PDB file of N, CA and C in Angstrom:
ATOM      1  N   MET A   1      14.371  13.614  -4.974  1.00  0.00           N
ATOM      2  CA  MET A   1      13.210  12.759  -4.857  1.00  0.00           C
ATOM      3  C   MET A   1      13.139  12.252  -3.424  1.00  0.00           C
ATOM      4  N   PRO A   2      11.980  12.363  -2.765  1.00  0.00           N
ATOM      5  CA  PRO A   2      11.863  11.900  -1.392  1.00  0.00           C
ATOM      6  C   PRO A   2      11.973  10.393  -1.297  1.00  0.00           C
ATOM      7  N   LYS A   3      12.494   9.941  -0.161  1.00  0.00           N
ATOM      8  CA  LYS A   3      12.632   8.497   0.047  1.00  0.00           C
ATOM      9  C   LYS A   3      11.281   7.880   0.376  1.00  0.00           C
ATOM     10  N   ARG A   4      11.114   6.649  -0.067  1.00  0.00           N
ATOM     11  CA  ARG A   4       9.888   5.916   0.259  1.00  0.00           C
ATOM     12  C   ARG A   4       9.968   5.429   1.685  1.00  0.00           C
ATOM     13  N   ARG A   5       8.856   5.447   2.327  1.00  0.00           N
ATOM     14  CA  ARG A   5       8.728   4.996   3.689  1.00  0.00           C
ATOM     15  C   ARG A   5       8.719   3.469   3.706  1.00  0.00           C
ATOM     16  N   VAL A   6       9.310   2.862   4.716  1.00  0.00           N
ATOM     17  CA  VAL A   6       9.232   1.410   4.890  1.00  0.00           C
ATOM     18  C   VAL A   6       7.939   1.142   5.652  1.00  0.00           C
ATOM     19  N   LEU A   7       7.020   0.416   5.017  1.00  0.00           N
ATOM     20  CA  LEU A   7       5.715   0.158   5.609  1.00  0.00           C
ATOM     21  C   LEU A   7       5.562  -1.308   5.971  1.00  0.00           C
ATOM     22  N   THR A   8       4.850  -1.556   7.053  1.00  0.00           N
ATOM     23  CA  THR A   8       4.458  -2.919   7.384  1.00  0.00           C
ATOM     24  C   THR A   8       3.083  -3.166   6.765  1.00  0.00           C
ATOM     25  N   CYS A   9       2.655  -4.414   6.775  1.00  0.00           N
ATOM     26  CA  CYS A   9       1.326  -4.738   6.226  1.00  0.00           C
ATOM     27  C   CYS A   9       0.236  -3.985   6.966  1.00  0.00           C
ATOM     28  N   ARG A  10       0.345  -3.928   8.265  1.00  0.00           N
ATOM     29  CA  ARG A  10      -0.655  -3.242   9.087  1.00  0.00           C
ATOM     30  C   ARG A  10      -0.707  -1.750   8.744  1.00  0.00           C
ATOM     31  N   GLU A  11       0.460  -1.110   8.609  1.00  0.00           N
ATOM     32  CA  GLU A  11       0.514   0.320   8.283  1.00  0.00           C
ATOM     33  C   GLU A  11      -0.036   0.597   6.893  1.00  0.00           C
ATOM     34  N   LEU A  12       0.276  -0.278   5.936  1.00  0.00           N
ATOM     35  CA  LEU A  12      -0.225  -0.102   4.577  1.00  0.00           C
ATOM     36  C   LEU A  12      -1.746  -0.192   4.541  1.00  0.00           C
ATOM     37  N   ILE A  13      -2.313  -1.166   5.221  1.00  0.00           N
ATOM     38  CA  ILE A  13      -3.768  -1.325   5.240  1.00  0.00           C
ATOM     39  C   ILE A  13      -4.429  -0.113   5.887  1.00  0.00           C
ATOM     40  N   LYS A  14      -3.845   0.386   6.983  1.00  0.00           N
ATOM     41  CA  LYS A  14      -4.397   1.567   7.644  1.00  0.00           C
ATOM     42  C   LYS A  14      -4.287   2.787   6.741  1.00  0.00           C
ATOM     43  N   LEU A  15      -3.176   2.932   6.053  1.00  0.00           N
ATOM     44  CA  LEU A  15      -2.974   4.070   5.150  1.00  0.00           C
ATOM     45  C   LEU A  15      -3.987   4.046   4.006  1.00  0.00           C
ATOM     46  N   LEU A  16      -4.218   2.870   3.428  1.00  0.00           N
ATOM     47  CA  LEU A  16      -5.186   2.752   2.339  1.00  0.00           C
ATOM     48  C   LEU A  16      -6.605   3.043   2.818  1.00  0.00           C
ATOM     49  N   LYS A  17      -6.969   2.526   3.985  1.00  0.00           N
ATOM     50  CA  LYS A  17      -8.321   2.763   4.500  1.00  0.00           C
ATOM     51  C   LYS A  17      -8.524   4.222   4.917  1.00  0.00           C
ATOM     52  N   ASP A  18      -7.463   4.872   5.385  1.00  0.00           N
ATOM     53  CA  ASP A  18      -7.563   6.305   5.702  1.00  0.00           C
ATOM     54  C   ASP A  18      -7.710   7.137   4.428  1.00  0.00           C
ATOM     55  N   TYR A  19      -7.061   6.697   3.357  1.00  0.00           N
ATOM     56  CA  TYR A  19      -7.152   7.415   2.091  1.00  0.00           C
ATOM     57  C   TYR A  19      -8.554   7.290   1.491  1.00  0.00           C
ATOM     58  N   ASP A  20      -9.103   6.074   1.488  1.00  0.00           N
ATOM     59  CA  ASP A  20     -10.445   5.829   0.954  1.00  0.00           C
ATOM     60  C   ASP A  20     -11.035   4.650   1.715  1.00  0.00           C
ATOM     61  N   ASN A  21     -12.157   4.882   2.382  1.00  0.00           N
ATOM     62  CA  ASN A  21     -12.720   3.839   3.236  1.00  0.00           C
ATOM     63  C   ASN A  21     -13.393   2.716   2.454  1.00  0.00           C
ATOM     64  N   ARG A  22     -13.410   2.783   1.135  1.00  0.00           N
ATOM     65  CA  ARG A  22     -13.993   1.697   0.342  1.00  0.00           C
ATOM     66  C   ARG A  22     -13.015   0.562   0.079  1.00  0.00           C
ATOM     67  N   PHE A  23     -11.743   0.690   0.477  1.00  0.00           N
ATOM     68  CA  PHE A  23     -10.796  -0.417   0.349  1.00  0.00           C
ATOM     69  C   PHE A  23     -11.216  -1.535   1.291  1.00  0.00           C
ATOM     70  N   VAL A  24     -11.227  -2.769   0.780  1.00  0.00           N
ATOM     71  CA  VAL A  24     -11.584  -3.947   1.569  1.00  0.00           C
ATOM     72  C   VAL A  24     -10.395  -4.895   1.528  1.00  0.00           C
ATOM     73  N   ILE A  25     -10.067  -5.487   2.673  1.00  0.00           N
ATOM     74  CA  ILE A  25      -8.961  -6.428   2.757  1.00  0.00           C
ATOM     75  C   ILE A  25      -9.542  -7.803   3.060  1.00  0.00           C
ATOM     76  N   PHE A  26      -9.341  -8.746   2.145  1.00  0.00           N
ATOM     77  CA  PHE A  26      -9.798 -10.124   2.336  1.00  0.00           C
ATOM     78  C   PHE A  26      -8.615 -10.958   2.796  1.00  0.00           C
ATOM     79  N   THR A  27      -8.813 -11.743   3.852  1.00  0.00           N
ATOM     80  CA  THR A  27      -7.715 -12.575   4.357  1.00  0.00           C
ATOM     81  C   THR A  27      -7.813 -14.012   3.870  1.00  0.00           C
ATOM     82  N   LYS A  28      -8.969 -14.448   3.458  1.00  0.00           N
ATOM     83  CA  LYS A  28      -9.148 -15.850   3.062  1.00  0.00           C
ATOM     84  C   LYS A  28      -9.233 -16.047   1.551  1.00  0.00           C
ATOM     85  N   ARG A  29      -8.989 -15.000   0.763  1.00  0.00           N
ATOM     86  CA  ARG A  29      -9.141 -15.130  -0.677  1.00  0.00           C
ATOM     87  C   ARG A  29      -7.829 -15.390  -1.397  1.00  0.00           C
ATOM     88  N   GLY A  30      -6.722 -15.008  -0.783  1.00  0.00           N
ATOM     89  CA  GLY A  30      -5.432 -15.188  -1.432  1.00  0.00           C
ATOM     90  C   GLY A  30      -4.876 -16.572  -1.191  1.00  0.00           C
ATOM     91  N   LYS A  31      -3.840 -16.896  -1.921  1.00  0.00           N
ATOM     92  CA  LYS A  31      -3.197 -18.191  -1.787  1.00  0.00           C
ATOM     93  C   LYS A  31      -2.133 -18.095  -0.691  1.00  0.00           C
ATOM     94  N   GLY A  32      -2.176 -18.952   0.260  1.00  0.00           N
ATOM     95  CA  GLY A  32      -1.176 -18.943   1.321  1.00  0.00           C
ATOM     96  C   GLY A  32      -1.375 -17.790   2.274  1.00  0.00           C
ATOM     97  N   SER A  33      -0.319 -16.995   2.462  1.00  0.00           N
ATOM     98  CA  SER A  33      -0.385 -15.902   3.429  1.00  0.00           C
ATOM     99  C   SER A  33      -0.561 -14.559   2.725  1.00  0.00           C
ATOM    100  N   GLU A  34      -1.363 -14.529   1.703  1.00  0.00           N
ATOM    101  CA  GLU A  34      -1.610 -13.282   0.980  1.00  0.00           C
ATOM    102  C   GLU A  34      -2.921 -12.666   1.423  1.00  0.00           C
ATOM    103  N   ARG A  35      -2.950 -11.349   1.408  1.00  0.00           N
ATOM    104  CA  ARG A  35      -4.172 -10.590   1.636  1.00  0.00           C
ATOM    105  C   ARG A  35      -4.587 -10.026   0.284  1.00  0.00           C
ATOM    106  N   MET A  36      -5.879 -10.029   0.009  1.00  0.00           N
ATOM    107  CA  MET A  36      -6.387  -9.440  -1.229  1.00  0.00           C
ATOM    108  C   MET A  36      -6.884  -8.040  -0.927  1.00  0.00           C
ATOM    109  N   ILE A  37      -6.275  -7.048  -1.562  1.00  0.00           N
ATOM    110  CA  ILE A  37      -6.735  -5.669  -1.432  1.00  0.00           C
ATOM    111  C   ILE A  37      -7.727  -5.446  -2.562  1.00  0.00           C
ATOM    112  N   TYR A  38      -8.913  -4.994  -2.215  1.00  0.00           N
ATOM    113  CA  TYR A  38      -9.997  -4.854  -3.200  1.00  0.00           C
ATOM    114  C   TYR A  38     -10.592  -3.455  -3.083  1.00  0.00           C
ATOM    115  N   HIS A  39     -10.841  -2.832  -4.229  1.00  0.00           N
ATOM    116  CA  HIS A  39     -11.546  -1.551  -4.278  1.00  0.00           C
ATOM    117  C   HIS A  39     -12.654  -1.688  -5.309  1.00  0.00           C
ATOM    118  N   PRO A  40     -13.904  -1.361  -4.952  1.00  0.00           N
ATOM    119  CA  PRO A  40     -15.028  -1.596  -5.862  1.00  0.00           C
ATOM    120  C   PRO A  40     -15.130  -0.640  -7.043  1.00  0.00           C
ATOM    121  N   ASP A  41     -14.496   0.532  -6.957  1.00  0.00           N
ATOM    122  CA  ASP A  41     -14.685   1.500  -8.038  1.00  0.00           C
ATOM    123  C   ASP A  41     -13.420   2.315  -8.269  1.00  0.00           C
ATOM    124  N   VAL A  42     -12.615   1.882  -9.232  1.00  0.00           N
ATOM    125  CA  VAL A  42     -11.462   2.657  -9.685  1.00  0.00           C
ATOM    126  C   VAL A  42     -11.717   2.963 -11.148  1.00  0.00           C
ATOM    127  N   LYS A  43     -12.098   4.193 -11.413  1.00  0.00           N
ATOM    128  CA  LYS A  43     -12.446   4.631 -12.770  1.00  0.00           C
ATOM    129  C   LYS A  43     -13.500   3.730 -13.398  1.00  0.00           C
ATOM    130  N   GLY A  44     -14.510   3.339 -12.603  1.00  0.00           N
ATOM    131  CA  GLY A  44     -15.632   2.577 -13.120  1.00  0.00           C
ATOM    132  C   GLY A  44     -15.507   1.072 -13.080  1.00  0.00           C
ATOM    133  N   SER A  45     -14.398   0.544 -12.603  1.00  0.00           N
ATOM    134  CA  SER A  45     -14.268  -0.911 -12.540  1.00  0.00           C
ATOM    135  C   SER A  45     -13.679  -1.327 -11.190  1.00  0.00           C
ATOM    136  N   ALA A  46     -13.983  -2.543 -10.782  1.00  0.00           N
ATOM    137  CA  ALA A  46     -13.444  -3.087  -9.535  1.00  0.00           C
ATOM    138  C   ALA A  46     -12.039  -3.619  -9.788  1.00  0.00           C
ATOM    139  N   ARG A  47     -11.147  -3.377  -8.845  1.00  0.00           N
ATOM    140  CA  ARG A  47      -9.770  -3.860  -8.991  1.00  0.00           C
ATOM    141  C   ARG A  47      -9.313  -4.484  -7.687  1.00  0.00           C
ATOM    142  N   SER A  48      -8.404  -5.439  -7.811  1.00  0.00           N
ATOM    143  CA  SER A  48      -7.855  -6.087  -6.622  1.00  0.00           C
ATOM    144  C   SER A  48      -6.364  -6.335  -6.824  1.00  0.00           C
ATOM    145  N   TYR A  49      -5.657  -6.585  -5.717  1.00  0.00           N
ATOM    146  CA  TYR A  49      -4.226  -6.852  -5.766  1.00  0.00           C
ATOM    147  C   TYR A  49      -3.869  -7.811  -4.631  1.00  0.00           C
ATOM    148  N   PRO A  50      -3.151  -8.906  -4.927  1.00  0.00           N
ATOM    149  CA  PRO A  50      -2.733  -9.821  -3.859  1.00  0.00           C
ATOM    150  C   PRO A  50      -1.478  -9.288  -3.166  1.00  0.00           C
ATOM    151  N   LEU A  51      -1.567  -9.078  -1.870  1.00  0.00           N
ATOM    152  CA  LEU A  51      -0.445  -8.544  -1.095  1.00  0.00           C
ATOM    153  C   LEU A  51       0.156  -9.644  -0.243  1.00  0.00           C
ATOM    154  N   PRO A  52       1.424 -10.028  -0.480  1.00  0.00           N
ATOM    155  CA  PRO A  52       2.065 -11.007   0.387  1.00  0.00           C
ATOM    156  C   PRO A  52       2.255 -10.404   1.775  1.00  0.00           C
ATOM    157  N   CYS A  53       1.705 -11.054   2.773  1.00  0.00           N
ATOM    158  CA  CYS A  53       1.739 -10.515   4.131  1.00  0.00           C
ATOM    159  C   CYS A  53       2.050 -11.657   5.086  1.00  0.00           C
ATOM    160  N   HIS A  54       3.316 -11.876   5.364  1.00  0.00           N
ATOM    161  CA  HIS A  54       3.743 -12.954   6.257  1.00  0.00           C
ATOM    162  C   HIS A  54       3.784 -12.415   7.678  1.00  0.00           C
ATOM    163  N   GLY A  55       2.617 -12.139   8.226  1.00  0.00           N
ATOM    164  CA  GLY A  55       2.500 -11.538   9.549  1.00  0.00           C
ATOM    165  C   GLY A  55       2.183 -10.060   9.403  1.00  0.00           C
ATOM    166  N   GLU A  56       1.471  -9.513  10.371  1.00  0.00           N
ATOM    167  CA  GLU A  56       1.043  -8.118  10.297  1.00  0.00           C
ATOM    168  C   GLU A  56       2.218  -7.142  10.391  1.00  0.00           C
ATOM    169  N   GLY A  57       3.321  -7.563  10.996  1.00  0.00           N
ATOM    170  CA  GLY A  57       4.473  -6.683  11.139  1.00  0.00           C
ATOM    171  C   GLY A  57       5.502  -6.823  10.029  1.00  0.00           C
ATOM    172  N   ALA A  58       5.232  -7.656   9.033  1.00  0.00           N
ATOM    173  CA  ALA A  58       6.177  -7.852   7.933  1.00  0.00           C
ATOM    174  C   ALA A  58       6.212  -6.621   7.038  1.00  0.00           C
ATOM    175  N   THR A  59       7.384  -6.304   6.514  1.00  0.00           N
ATOM    176  CA  THR A  59       7.510  -5.125   5.659  1.00  0.00           C
ATOM    177  C   THR A  59       7.031  -5.440   4.245  1.00  0.00           C
ATOM    178  N   VAL A  60       6.523  -4.417   3.594  1.00  0.00           N
ATOM    179  CA  VAL A  60       6.051  -4.523   2.221  1.00  0.00           C
ATOM    180  C   VAL A  60       7.147  -3.959   1.325  1.00  0.00           C
ATOM    181  N   ARG A  61       7.537  -4.696   0.313  1.00  0.00           N
ATOM    182  CA  ARG A  61       8.622  -4.263  -0.564  1.00  0.00           C
ATOM    183  C   ARG A  61       8.184  -3.115  -1.458  1.00  0.00           C
ATOM    184  N   LYS A  62       9.171  -2.324  -1.917  1.00  0.00           N
ATOM    185  CA  LYS A  62       8.847  -1.130  -2.690  1.00  0.00           C
ATOM    186  C   LYS A  62       8.235  -1.467  -4.047  1.00  0.00           C
ATOM    187  N   GLY A  63       8.516  -2.624  -4.597  1.00  0.00           N
ATOM    188  CA  GLY A  63       7.890  -3.030  -5.850  1.00  0.00           C
ATOM    189  C   GLY A  63       6.391  -3.242  -5.698  1.00  0.00           C
ATOM    190  N   HIS A  64       5.998  -3.791  -4.549  1.00  0.00           N
ATOM    191  CA  HIS A  64       4.571  -3.972  -4.276  1.00  0.00           C
ATOM    192  C   HIS A  64       3.894  -2.630  -4.063  1.00  0.00           C
ATOM    193  N   LEU A  65       4.585  -1.698  -3.397  1.00  0.00           N
ATOM    194  CA  LEU A  65       4.004  -0.374  -3.175  1.00  0.00           C
ATOM    195  C   LEU A  65       3.737   0.346  -4.493  1.00  0.00           C
ATOM    196  N   SER A  66       4.699   0.290  -5.403  1.00  0.00           N
ATOM    197  CA  SER A  66       4.491   0.968  -6.691  1.00  0.00           C
ATOM    198  C   SER A  66       3.434   0.253  -7.525  1.00  0.00           C
ATOM    199  N   ALA A  67       3.346  -1.077  -7.409  1.00  0.00           N
ATOM    200  CA  ALA A  67       2.304  -1.808  -8.142  1.00  0.00           C
ATOM    201  C   ALA A  67       0.914  -1.477  -7.597  1.00  0.00           C
ATOM    202  N   ILE A  68       0.801  -1.350  -6.269  1.00  0.00           N
ATOM    203  CA  ILE A  68      -0.479  -0.966  -5.663  1.00  0.00           C
ATOM    204  C   ILE A  68      -0.855   0.443  -6.085  1.00  0.00           C
ATOM    205  N   ARG A  69       0.127   1.346  -6.106  1.00  0.00           N
ATOM    206  CA  ARG A  69      -0.133   2.719  -6.527  1.00  0.00           C
ATOM    207  C   ARG A  69      -0.638   2.769  -7.964  1.00  0.00           C
ATOM    208  N   ARG A  70      -0.024   1.982  -8.850  1.00  0.00           N
ATOM    209  CA  ARG A  70      -0.453   1.962 -10.258  1.00  0.00           C
ATOM    210  C   ARG A  70      -1.806   1.284 -10.423  1.00  0.00           C
ATOM    211  N   ARG A  71      -2.021   0.159  -9.753  1.00  0.00           N
ATOM    212  CA  ARG A  71      -3.256  -0.607  -9.920  1.00  0.00           C
ATOM    213  C   ARG A  71      -4.478   0.193  -9.489  1.00  0.00           C
ATOM    214  N   PHE A  72      -4.353   0.897  -8.355  1.00  0.00           N
ATOM    215  CA  PHE A  72      -5.493   1.635  -7.821  1.00  0.00           C
ATOM    216  C   PHE A  72      -5.453   3.123  -8.181  1.00  0.00           C
ATOM    217  N   GLU A  73      -4.478   3.505  -8.996  1.00  0.00           N
ATOM    218  CA  GLU A  73      -4.315   4.887  -9.457  1.00  0.00           C
ATOM    219  C   GLU A  73      -4.297   5.867  -8.292  1.00  0.00           C
ATOM    220  N   LEU A  74      -3.394   5.600  -7.343  1.00  0.00           N
ATOM    221  CA  LEU A  74      -3.237   6.432  -6.160  1.00  0.00           C
ATOM    222  C   LEU A  74      -2.245   7.549  -6.453  1.00  0.00           C
ATOM    223  N   PRO A  75      -2.271   8.643  -5.680  1.00  0.00           N
ATOM    224  CA  PRO A  75      -1.301   9.723  -5.898  1.00  0.00           C
ATOM    225  C   PRO A  75       0.120   9.254  -5.601  1.00  0.00           C
ATOM    226  N   ALA A  76       1.068   9.814  -6.312  1.00  0.00           N
ATOM    227  CA  ALA A  76       2.457   9.370  -6.207  1.00  0.00           C
ATOM    228  C   ALA A  76       3.055   9.620  -4.828  1.00  0.00           C
ATOM    229  N   LEU A  77       2.609  10.631  -4.131  1.00  0.00           N
ATOM    230  CA  LEU A  77       3.204  10.976  -2.841  1.00  0.00           C
ATOM    231  C   LEU A  77       2.555  10.267  -1.656  1.00  0.00           C
ATOM    232  N   LEU A  78       1.643   9.364  -1.896  1.00  0.00           N
ATOM    233  CA  LEU A  78       0.938   8.696  -0.801  1.00  0.00           C
ATOM    234  C   LEU A  78       1.873   7.848   0.051  1.00  0.00           C
ATOM    235  N   PHE A  79       2.827   7.172  -0.552  1.00  0.00           N
ATOM    236  CA  PHE A  79       3.722   6.279   0.176  1.00  0.00           C
ATOM    237  C   PHE A  79       5.070   6.907   0.498  1.00  0.00           C
ATOM    238  N   ASP A  80       5.265   8.197   0.199  1.00  0.00           N
ATOM    239  CA  ASP A  80       6.549   8.829   0.468  1.00  0.00           C
ATOM    240  C   ASP A  80       6.710   9.136   1.942  1.00  0.00           C
ATOM    241  N   ASN A  81       7.950   9.277   2.351  1.00  0.00           N
ATOM    242  CA  ASN A  81       8.270   9.524   3.749  1.00  0.00           C
ATOM    243  C   ASN A  81       7.964  10.967   4.106  1.00  0.00           C
ATOM    244  N   PRO A  82       7.074  11.206   5.080  1.00  0.00           N
ATOM    245  CA  PRO A  82       6.758  12.583   5.434  1.00  0.00           C
ATOM    246  C   PRO A  82       7.858  13.268   6.232  1.00  0.00           C
ATOM    247  N   LYS A  83       8.730  12.494   6.865  1.00  0.00           N
ATOM    248  CA  LYS A  83       9.809  13.071   7.668  1.00  0.00           C
ATOM    249  C   LYS A  83      11.081  13.127   6.826  1.00  0.00           C
ATOM    250  N   ARG A  84      11.297  14.233   6.190  1.00  0.00           N
ATOM    251  CA  ARG A  84      12.530  14.386   5.408  1.00  0.00           C
ATOM    252  C   ARG A  84      13.654  14.784   6.332  1.00  0.00           C
ATOM    253  N   SER A  85      14.836  14.392   5.984  1.00  0.00           N
ATOM    254  CA  SER A  85      15.961  14.763   6.848  1.00  0.00           C
ATOM    255  C   SER A  85      16.222  16.258   6.679  1.00  0.00           C
ATOM    256  N   ARG A  86      16.515  16.909   7.784  1.00  0.00           N
ATOM    257  CA  ARG A  86      16.703  18.354   7.758  1.00  0.00           C
ATOM    258  C   ARG A  86      18.168  18.720   7.664  1.00  0.00           C
ATOM    259  N   THR A  87      19.030  17.748   7.515  1.00  0.00           N
ATOM    260  CA  THR A  87      20.464  18.068   7.411  1.00  0.00           C
ATOM    261  C   THR A  87      20.792  18.418   5.984  1.00  0.00           C
ATOM    262  N   ARG A  88      21.632  19.429   5.841  1.00  0.00           N
ATOM    263  CA  ARG A  88      22.051  19.854   4.507  1.00  0.00           C
ATOM    264  C   ARG A  88      23.381  19.200   4.167  1.00  0.00           C
ATOM    265  N   LYS A  89      23.572  18.925   2.892  1.00  0.00           N
ATOM    266  CA  LYS A  89      24.855  18.422   2.438  1.00  0.00           C
ATOM    267  C   LYS A  89      25.784  19.613   2.260  1.00  0.00           C
ATOM    268  N   ARG A  90      27.006  19.462   2.743  1.00  0.00           N
ATOM    269  CA  ARG A  90      27.978  20.575   2.626  1.00  0.00           C
ATOM    270  C   ARG A  90      29.107  20.178   1.743  1.00  0.00           C
TER     271      ARG A  90
END
């Protein structure tokens, strides 16, 4: 199984917007330092997810990544690390 990439808030937002430009990020809707990720049409309904983002360079935990993937029904390989190690185990 490929390793998950460590993403910052900025990288995650860019990745989501590159995947589908209908993702909207609200900065003033969450409580405290949360960003609200919103998509208007996921299988016919609007969905949102509060993302804790303590600064744009803060890392996003893997539990949040899997919850975002499930909530917005994203492909499983979207957050995986594209650079696999090329060393073989001997």
